[in-house]
Amino acid sequence: MKVVFNVKLIPYEEMESIIPLVIQLNKGKFPEEVLISRLKDVLATGRYQCIGVYDDTQLIACCGFWILNKLYAGKHVEPDNVFVTAAYRSAGVGELMMTWLFNYAKSIGCIGAEVNCYIHNEKGKKFWERQGFEALGYHMLKKFD
């Protein structure tokens, strides 16, 4: 019997449901209260959205995303905080999320997608390459004291 997962946009009022997954994604690097505060700030921009994948009513995966328009890339979607719980990896859940997201992005006029992937995340890099992404440059970060 094949399991059917439900993919849908997570309403803003339910967005904190992704926090446990984001904590796992970042290996506990950020405390829950920090992530909740940051999420509230992100949501206040009105530009961040997130899809969830559900097994019945259980959230098993998430993919935040931004619709952006940059001079070098045009209108595009940027997946962010993409995570699939361990028990559901290699079950096609990531592919399911990206198919949903890319179809949605095309429907609103996006011409492509851009993604950031941590340097040491080899599995993630391979996943993004299977989705058709090619390395264009470096994503660099500077923290202020």
N, C-alpha and C. Protein backbone atom coordinates (compact mmCIF):
# COMPACT_ATOMS: atom_id res chain seq x y z
N MET A 1 0.83 -1.17 0.00
CA MET A 1 0.00 0.00 0.00
C MET A 1 0.88 1.25 0.00
N LYS A 2 0.65 2.13 -0.96
CA LYS A 2 1.43 3.35 -1.07
C LYS A 2 0.86 4.44 -0.15
N VAL A 3 1.74 5.09 0.60
CA VAL A 3 1.33 6.16 1.50
C VAL A 3 1.13 7.43 0.67
N VAL A 4 0.05 8.14 0.92
CA VAL A 4 -0.22 9.40 0.24
C VAL A 4 -0.02 10.53 1.25
N PHE A 5 0.86 11.43 0.91
CA PHE A 5 1.15 12.56 1.77
C PHE A 5 0.36 13.77 1.28
N ASN A 6 0.02 14.65 2.20
CA ASN A 6 -0.71 15.86 1.87
C ASN A 6 0.25 17.04 1.94
N VAL A 7 0.34 17.81 0.86
CA VAL A 7 1.19 19.00 0.80
C VAL A 7 0.29 20.22 0.77
N LYS A 8 0.57 21.17 1.65
CA LYS A 8 -0.25 22.39 1.64
C LYS A 8 0.52 23.57 2.21
N LEU A 9 0.07 24.77 1.86
CA LEU A 9 0.62 25.97 2.49
C LEU A 9 0.21 25.97 3.96
N ILE A 10 1.14 26.33 4.81
CA ILE A 10 0.85 26.42 6.24
C ILE A 10 0.35 27.84 6.50
N PRO A 11 -0.86 27.99 7.06
CA PRO A 11 -1.35 29.34 7.38
C PRO A 11 -0.45 30.02 8.40
N TYR A 12 -0.36 31.34 8.33
CA TYR A 12 0.50 32.09 9.25
C TYR A 12 0.22 31.76 10.70
N GLU A 13 -1.05 31.59 11.05
CA GLU A 13 -1.39 31.32 12.45
C GLU A 13 -0.94 29.94 12.92
N GLU A 14 -0.52 29.07 11.99
CA GLU A 14 -0.02 27.74 12.34
C GLU A 14 1.48 27.59 12.08
N MET A 15 2.12 28.68 11.70
CA MET A 15 3.51 28.62 11.25
C MET A 15 4.48 28.15 12.34
N GLU A 16 4.18 28.40 13.61
CA GLU A 16 5.09 27.94 14.66
C GLU A 16 5.20 26.42 14.70
N SER A 17 4.32 25.72 14.01
CA SER A 17 4.40 24.25 13.97
C SER A 17 5.68 23.76 13.31
N ILE A 18 6.35 24.63 12.55
CA ILE A 18 7.60 24.21 11.89
C ILE A 18 8.80 24.28 12.82
N ILE A 19 8.67 24.97 13.94
CA ILE A 19 9.82 25.20 14.84
C ILE A 19 10.51 23.89 15.25
N PRO A 20 9.79 22.83 15.67
CA PRO A 20 10.50 21.60 16.03
C PRO A 20 11.33 21.03 14.87
N LEU A 21 10.85 21.18 13.64
CA LEU A 21 11.61 20.69 12.48
C LEU A 21 12.83 21.58 12.23
N VAL A 22 12.67 22.88 12.38
CA VAL A 22 13.79 23.81 12.17
C VAL A 22 14.87 23.59 13.24
N ILE A 23 14.46 23.26 14.45
CA ILE A 23 15.43 22.94 15.49
C ILE A 23 16.25 21.71 15.08
N GLN A 24 15.58 20.69 14.56
CA GLN A 24 16.30 19.49 14.09
C GLN A 24 17.21 19.82 12.92
N LEU A 25 16.71 20.63 11.99
CA LEU A 25 17.49 21.02 10.82
C LEU A 25 18.81 21.67 11.24
N ASN A 26 18.74 22.52 12.24
CA ASN A 26 19.93 23.25 12.71
C ASN A 26 20.64 22.56 13.86
N LYS A 27 20.27 21.28 14.10
CA LYS A 27 20.92 20.46 15.11
C LYS A 27 20.95 21.14 16.49
N GLY A 28 19.85 21.83 16.82
CA GLY A 28 19.73 22.45 18.13
C GLY A 28 20.58 23.69 18.34
N LYS A 29 21.17 24.21 17.29
CA LYS A 29 22.09 25.36 17.39
C LYS A 29 21.39 26.61 17.94
N PHE A 30 20.11 26.75 17.63
CA PHE A 30 19.37 27.93 18.05
C PHE A 30 18.26 27.53 19.01
N PRO A 31 18.15 28.21 20.15
CA PRO A 31 17.07 27.90 21.09
C PRO A 31 15.69 28.19 20.47
N GLU A 32 14.70 27.46 20.95
CA GLU A 32 13.33 27.61 20.44
C GLU A 32 12.86 29.07 20.50
N GLU A 33 13.12 29.75 21.60
CA GLU A 33 12.64 31.12 21.74
C GLU A 33 13.28 32.05 20.71
N VAL A 34 14.54 31.80 20.35
CA VAL A 34 15.20 32.60 19.32
C VAL A 34 14.54 32.36 17.97
N LEU A 35 14.27 31.10 17.65
CA LEU A 35 13.64 30.78 16.38
C LEU A 35 12.22 31.33 16.29
N ILE A 36 11.48 31.28 17.38
CA ILE A 36 10.13 31.83 17.38
C ILE A 36 10.17 33.34 17.14
N SER A 37 11.10 34.02 17.81
CA SER A 37 11.24 35.46 17.63
C SER A 37 11.62 35.80 16.19
N ARG A 38 12.55 35.05 15.64
CA ARG A 38 12.97 35.29 14.25
C ARG A 38 11.82 35.00 13.29
N LEU A 39 11.08 33.93 13.55
CA LEU A 39 9.94 33.60 12.69
C LEU A 39 8.91 34.72 12.70
N LYS A 40 8.63 35.27 13.87
CA LYS A 40 7.67 36.38 13.95
C LYS A 40 8.14 37.56 13.12
N ASP A 41 9.43 37.88 13.17
CA ASP A 41 9.97 38.97 12.38
C ASP A 41 9.85 38.68 10.88
N VAL A 42 10.15 37.46 10.50
CA VAL A 42 10.07 37.05 9.09
C VAL A 42 8.63 37.13 8.60
N LEU A 43 7.70 36.64 9.41
CA LEU A 43 6.30 36.66 9.02
C LEU A 43 5.77 38.09 8.90
N ALA A 44 6.31 39.00 9.71
CA ALA A 44 5.87 40.40 9.68
C ALA A 44 6.18 41.06 8.34
N THR A 45 7.13 40.52 7.59
CA THR A 45 7.45 41.08 6.28
C THR A 45 6.34 40.80 5.27
N GLY A 46 5.55 39.75 5.54
CA GLY A 46 4.50 39.36 4.61
C GLY A 46 5.01 38.68 3.35
N ARG A 47 6.29 38.35 3.33
CA ARG A 47 6.89 37.78 2.12
C ARG A 47 7.34 36.33 2.29
N TYR A 48 7.25 35.81 3.49
CA TYR A 48 7.69 34.44 3.75
C TYR A 48 6.47 33.53 3.79
N GLN A 49 6.60 32.39 3.13
CA GLN A 49 5.55 31.38 3.16
C GLN A 49 6.21 30.04 3.45
N CYS A 50 5.41 29.05 3.77
CA CYS A 50 5.95 27.74 4.08
C CYS A 50 4.94 26.67 3.68
N ILE A 51 5.45 25.61 3.08
CA ILE A 51 4.60 24.46 2.81
C ILE A 51 4.95 23.37 3.80
N GLY A 52 3.96 22.58 4.13
CA GLY A 52 4.16 21.44 5.01
C GLY A 52 3.72 20.18 4.31
N VAL A 53 4.38 19.09 4.64
CA VAL A 53 3.96 17.78 4.17
C VAL A 53 3.47 17.02 5.39
N TYR A 54 2.29 16.45 5.26
CA TYR A 54 1.64 15.79 6.38
C TYR A 54 1.38 14.33 6.07
N ASP A 55 1.64 13.49 7.05
CA ASP A 55 1.21 12.09 7.04
C ASP A 55 0.01 12.08 7.98
N ASP A 56 -1.17 12.05 7.40
CA ASP A 56 -2.42 12.26 8.12
C ASP A 56 -2.37 13.67 8.69
N THR A 57 -2.30 13.85 10.00
CA THR A 57 -2.24 15.20 10.56
C THR A 57 -0.85 15.56 11.10
N GLN A 58 0.10 14.64 10.98
CA GLN A 58 1.45 14.87 11.50
C GLN A 58 2.31 15.58 10.47
N LEU A 59 2.89 16.72 10.87
CA LEU A 59 3.82 17.45 10.02
C LEU A 59 5.13 16.67 9.96
N ILE A 60 5.50 16.22 8.77
CA ILE A 60 6.70 15.39 8.62
C ILE A 60 7.81 16.09 7.84
N ALA A 61 7.46 17.22 7.20
CA ALA A 61 8.46 17.94 6.40
C ALA A 61 7.97 19.36 6.20
N CYS A 62 8.92 20.25 5.98
CA CYS A 62 8.56 21.64 5.70
C CYS A 62 9.54 22.24 4.71
N CYS A 63 9.07 23.28 4.07
CA CYS A 63 9.91 24.04 3.15
C CYS A 63 9.40 25.48 3.15
N GLY A 64 10.15 26.34 3.84
CA GLY A 64 9.84 27.75 3.76
C GLY A 64 10.28 28.26 2.40
N PHE A 65 9.73 29.39 1.98
CA PHE A 65 10.19 29.94 0.70
C PHE A 65 9.87 31.43 0.61
N TRP A 66 10.66 32.06 -0.21
CA TRP A 66 10.54 33.48 -0.51
C TRP A 66 10.30 33.62 -2.01
N ILE A 67 9.46 34.55 -2.39
CA ILE A 67 9.35 34.94 -3.80
C ILE A 67 10.15 36.23 -3.91
N LEU A 68 11.19 36.20 -4.71
CA LEU A 68 12.11 37.32 -4.82
C LEU A 68 12.23 37.78 -6.27
N ASN A 69 12.74 38.96 -6.43
CA ASN A 69 13.03 39.48 -7.76
C ASN A 69 14.37 40.17 -7.67
N LYS A 70 15.37 39.58 -8.31
CA LYS A 70 16.72 40.12 -8.27
C LYS A 70 17.17 40.45 -9.69
N LEU A 71 18.06 41.41 -9.80
CA LEU A 71 18.51 41.83 -11.12
C LEU A 71 19.12 40.67 -11.91
N TYR A 72 19.91 39.83 -11.26
CA TYR A 72 20.58 38.75 -11.98
C TYR A 72 19.71 37.52 -12.19
N ALA A 73 18.61 37.40 -11.45
CA ALA A 73 17.82 36.16 -11.50
C ALA A 73 16.37 36.37 -11.93
N GLY A 74 15.89 37.60 -11.94
CA GLY A 74 14.48 37.85 -12.24
C GLY A 74 13.61 37.34 -11.10
N LYS A 75 12.31 37.23 -11.36
CA LYS A 75 11.37 36.74 -10.34
C LYS A 75 11.59 35.25 -10.15
N HIS A 76 11.86 34.87 -8.91
CA HIS A 76 12.17 33.48 -8.64
C HIS A 76 11.74 33.08 -7.23
N VAL A 77 11.73 31.79 -6.99
CA VAL A 77 11.41 31.25 -5.67
C VAL A 77 12.71 30.80 -5.01
N GLU A 78 12.81 31.05 -3.71
CA GLU A 78 13.98 30.59 -2.97
C GLU A 78 13.53 29.71 -1.81
N PRO A 79 13.69 28.38 -1.95
CA PRO A 79 13.38 27.49 -0.82
C PRO A 79 14.31 27.79 0.34
N ASP A 80 13.78 27.64 1.57
CA ASP A 80 14.53 28.01 2.77
C ASP A 80 14.08 27.10 3.91
N ASN A 81 15.00 26.64 4.73
CA ASN A 81 14.66 25.76 5.85
C ASN A 81 13.90 24.52 5.37
N VAL A 82 14.51 23.82 4.44
CA VAL A 82 13.91 22.60 3.89
C VAL A 82 14.33 21.43 4.79
N PHE A 83 13.33 20.70 5.29
CA PHE A 83 13.65 19.62 6.21
C PHE A 83 12.61 18.51 6.11
N VAL A 84 13.10 17.27 6.10
CA VAL A 84 12.26 16.07 6.14
C VAL A 84 12.68 15.27 7.37
N THR A 85 11.72 14.89 8.22
CA THR A 85 12.08 14.11 9.41
C THR A 85 12.72 12.79 8.99
N ALA A 86 13.62 12.30 9.83
CA ALA A 86 14.46 11.14 9.50
C ALA A 86 13.66 9.93 9.04
N ALA A 87 12.55 9.65 9.67
CA ALA A 87 11.77 8.45 9.34
C ALA A 87 11.18 8.50 7.93
N TYR A 88 11.13 9.69 7.33
CA TYR A 88 10.50 9.85 6.01
C TYR A 88 11.50 10.16 4.90
N ARG A 89 12.78 10.16 5.22
CA ARG A 89 13.79 10.44 4.20
C ARG A 89 13.88 9.28 3.22
N SER A 90 14.23 9.59 2.02
CA SER A 90 14.34 8.61 0.92
C SER A 90 12.99 7.99 0.57
N ALA A 91 11.90 8.70 0.90
CA ALA A 91 10.55 8.23 0.55
C ALA A 91 9.91 9.13 -0.49
N GLY A 92 10.71 10.03 -1.08
CA GLY A 92 10.19 10.91 -2.12
C GLY A 92 9.53 12.18 -1.60
N VAL A 93 9.65 12.44 -0.29
CA VAL A 93 8.99 13.60 0.30
C VAL A 93 9.63 14.91 -0.18
N GLY A 94 10.95 14.96 -0.24
CA GLY A 94 11.64 16.16 -0.73
C GLY A 94 11.26 16.45 -2.17
N GLU A 95 11.24 15.43 -2.99
CA GLU A 95 10.84 15.58 -4.40
C GLU A 95 9.40 16.08 -4.49
N LEU A 96 8.53 15.54 -3.66
CA LEU A 96 7.13 15.96 -3.62
C LEU A 96 7.02 17.45 -3.28
N MET A 97 7.77 17.90 -2.28
CA MET A 97 7.75 19.32 -1.91
C MET A 97 8.23 20.21 -3.05
N MET A 98 9.32 19.81 -3.69
CA MET A 98 9.87 20.65 -4.75
C MET A 98 8.94 20.68 -5.97
N THR A 99 8.33 19.57 -6.30
CA THR A 99 7.37 19.56 -7.42
C THR A 99 6.24 20.53 -7.12
N TRP A 100 5.70 20.46 -5.89
CA TRP A 100 4.61 21.37 -5.50
C TRP A 100 5.09 22.82 -5.58
N LEU A 101 6.26 23.08 -4.98
CA LEU A 101 6.78 24.45 -4.92
C LEU A 101 7.07 25.01 -6.30
N PHE A 102 7.71 24.25 -7.16
CA PHE A 102 8.06 24.76 -8.49
C PHE A 102 6.81 24.98 -9.33
N ASN A 103 5.82 24.12 -9.20
CA ASN A 103 4.55 24.34 -9.92
C ASN A 103 3.87 25.61 -9.43
N TYR A 104 3.87 25.81 -8.11
CA TYR A 104 3.29 27.02 -7.54
C TYR A 104 4.05 28.25 -8.05
N ALA A 105 5.37 28.20 -8.00
CA ALA A 105 6.19 29.33 -8.44
C ALA A 105 5.93 29.68 -9.91
N LYS A 106 5.85 28.67 -10.75
CA LYS A 106 5.55 28.92 -12.17
C LYS A 106 4.18 29.56 -12.33
N SER A 107 3.21 29.12 -11.51
CA SER A 107 1.85 29.64 -11.63
C SER A 107 1.74 31.12 -11.27
N ILE A 108 2.71 31.64 -10.51
CA ILE A 108 2.69 33.06 -10.14
C ILE A 108 3.76 33.86 -10.89
N GLY A 109 4.29 33.27 -11.94
CA GLY A 109 5.19 34.01 -12.82
C GLY A 109 6.67 33.94 -12.53
N CYS A 110 7.09 33.03 -11.67
CA CYS A 110 8.53 32.88 -11.42
C CYS A 110 9.19 32.23 -12.62
N ILE A 111 10.42 32.65 -12.89
CA ILE A 111 11.15 32.09 -14.03
C ILE A 111 12.24 31.11 -13.60
N GLY A 112 12.41 30.92 -12.30
CA GLY A 112 13.43 29.99 -11.83
C GLY A 112 13.43 29.90 -10.32
N ALA A 113 14.49 29.30 -9.82
CA ALA A 113 14.64 29.09 -8.38
C ALA A 113 16.10 29.26 -8.00
N GLU A 114 16.30 29.63 -6.75
CA GLU A 114 17.65 29.82 -6.20
C GLU A 114 17.65 29.18 -4.83
N VAL A 115 18.74 28.52 -4.46
CA VAL A 115 18.79 27.88 -3.15
C VAL A 115 20.18 28.03 -2.55
N ASN A 116 20.23 28.06 -1.23
CA ASN A 116 21.50 28.04 -0.50
C ASN A 116 21.61 26.69 0.19
N CYS A 117 22.81 26.15 0.22
CA CYS A 117 23.04 24.85 0.84
C CYS A 117 24.35 24.93 1.63
N TYR A 118 24.31 24.46 2.87
CA TYR A 118 25.52 24.49 3.69
C TYR A 118 26.65 23.70 3.02
N ILE A 119 27.85 24.21 3.15
CA ILE A 119 29.03 23.63 2.50
C ILE A 119 29.21 22.16 2.83
N HIS A 120 29.01 21.77 4.08
CA HIS A 120 29.27 20.39 4.49
C HIS A 120 28.07 19.47 4.31
N ASN A 121 26.99 19.97 3.74
CA ASN A 121 25.78 19.16 3.56
C ASN A 121 25.83 18.47 2.19
N GLU A 122 26.61 17.41 2.10
CA GLU A 122 26.78 16.71 0.82
C GLU A 122 25.49 16.08 0.32
N LYS A 123 24.69 15.50 1.23
CA LYS A 123 23.41 14.92 0.81
C LYS A 123 22.48 16.00 0.27
N GLY A 124 22.48 17.14 0.95
CA GLY A 124 21.66 18.26 0.49
C GLY A 124 22.11 18.75 -0.87
N LYS A 125 23.41 18.88 -1.05
CA LYS A 125 23.96 19.33 -2.34
C LYS A 125 23.53 18.38 -3.45
N LYS A 126 23.63 17.09 -3.20
CA LYS A 126 23.22 16.11 -4.21
C LYS A 126 21.72 16.19 -4.49
N PHE A 127 20.92 16.41 -3.44
CA PHE A 127 19.48 16.57 -3.63
C PHE A 127 19.19 17.75 -4.56
N TRP A 128 19.83 18.89 -4.27
CA TRP A 128 19.57 20.08 -5.09
C TRP A 128 20.04 19.88 -6.52
N GLU A 129 21.13 19.18 -6.71
CA GLU A 129 21.59 18.90 -8.07
C GLU A 129 20.59 18.01 -8.81
N ARG A 130 20.00 17.03 -8.10
CA ARG A 130 18.97 16.20 -8.74
C ARG A 130 17.74 17.02 -9.12
N GLN A 131 17.53 18.14 -8.41
CA GLN A 131 16.40 19.01 -8.72
C GLN A 131 16.73 19.97 -9.87
N GLY A 132 17.95 19.88 -10.40
CA GLY A 132 18.33 20.70 -11.55
C GLY A 132 19.12 21.95 -11.22
N PHE A 133 19.51 22.12 -9.97
CA PHE A 133 20.29 23.30 -9.58
C PHE A 133 21.76 23.10 -9.95
N GLU A 134 22.39 24.22 -10.30
CA GLU A 134 23.83 24.22 -10.59
C GLU A 134 24.47 25.31 -9.73
N ALA A 135 25.68 25.04 -9.27
CA ALA A 135 26.40 26.03 -8.45
C ALA A 135 26.72 27.25 -9.31
N LEU A 136 26.40 28.41 -8.78
CA LEU A 136 26.66 29.67 -9.48
C LEU A 136 27.78 30.45 -8.78
N GLY A 137 27.84 30.35 -7.47
CA GLY A 137 28.83 31.12 -6.72
C GLY A 137 28.82 30.67 -5.26
N TYR A 138 29.29 31.54 -4.42
CA TYR A 138 29.35 31.27 -2.98
C TYR A 138 28.28 32.10 -2.28
N HIS A 139 27.67 31.52 -1.28
CA HIS A 139 26.79 32.28 -0.39
C HIS A 139 27.64 32.54 0.84
N MET A 140 27.88 33.80 1.13
CA MET A 140 28.77 34.15 2.22
C MET A 140 28.01 34.94 3.28
N LEU A 141 28.44 34.82 4.52
CA LEU A 141 27.77 35.45 5.65
C LEU A 141 28.80 36.13 6.52
N LYS A 142 28.49 37.33 6.95
CA LYS A 142 29.33 38.06 7.90
C LYS A 142 28.47 38.41 9.09
N LYS A 143 28.90 38.05 10.28
CA LYS A 143 28.21 38.38 11.52
C LYS A 143 28.83 39.64 12.09
N PHE A 144 27.99 40.55 12.58
CA PHE A 144 28.48 41.75 13.25
C PHE A 144 28.57 41.48 14.74
N ASP A 145 29.58 42.04 15.37
CA ASP A 145 29.74 41.88 16.83
C ASP A 145 28.62 42.55 17.58
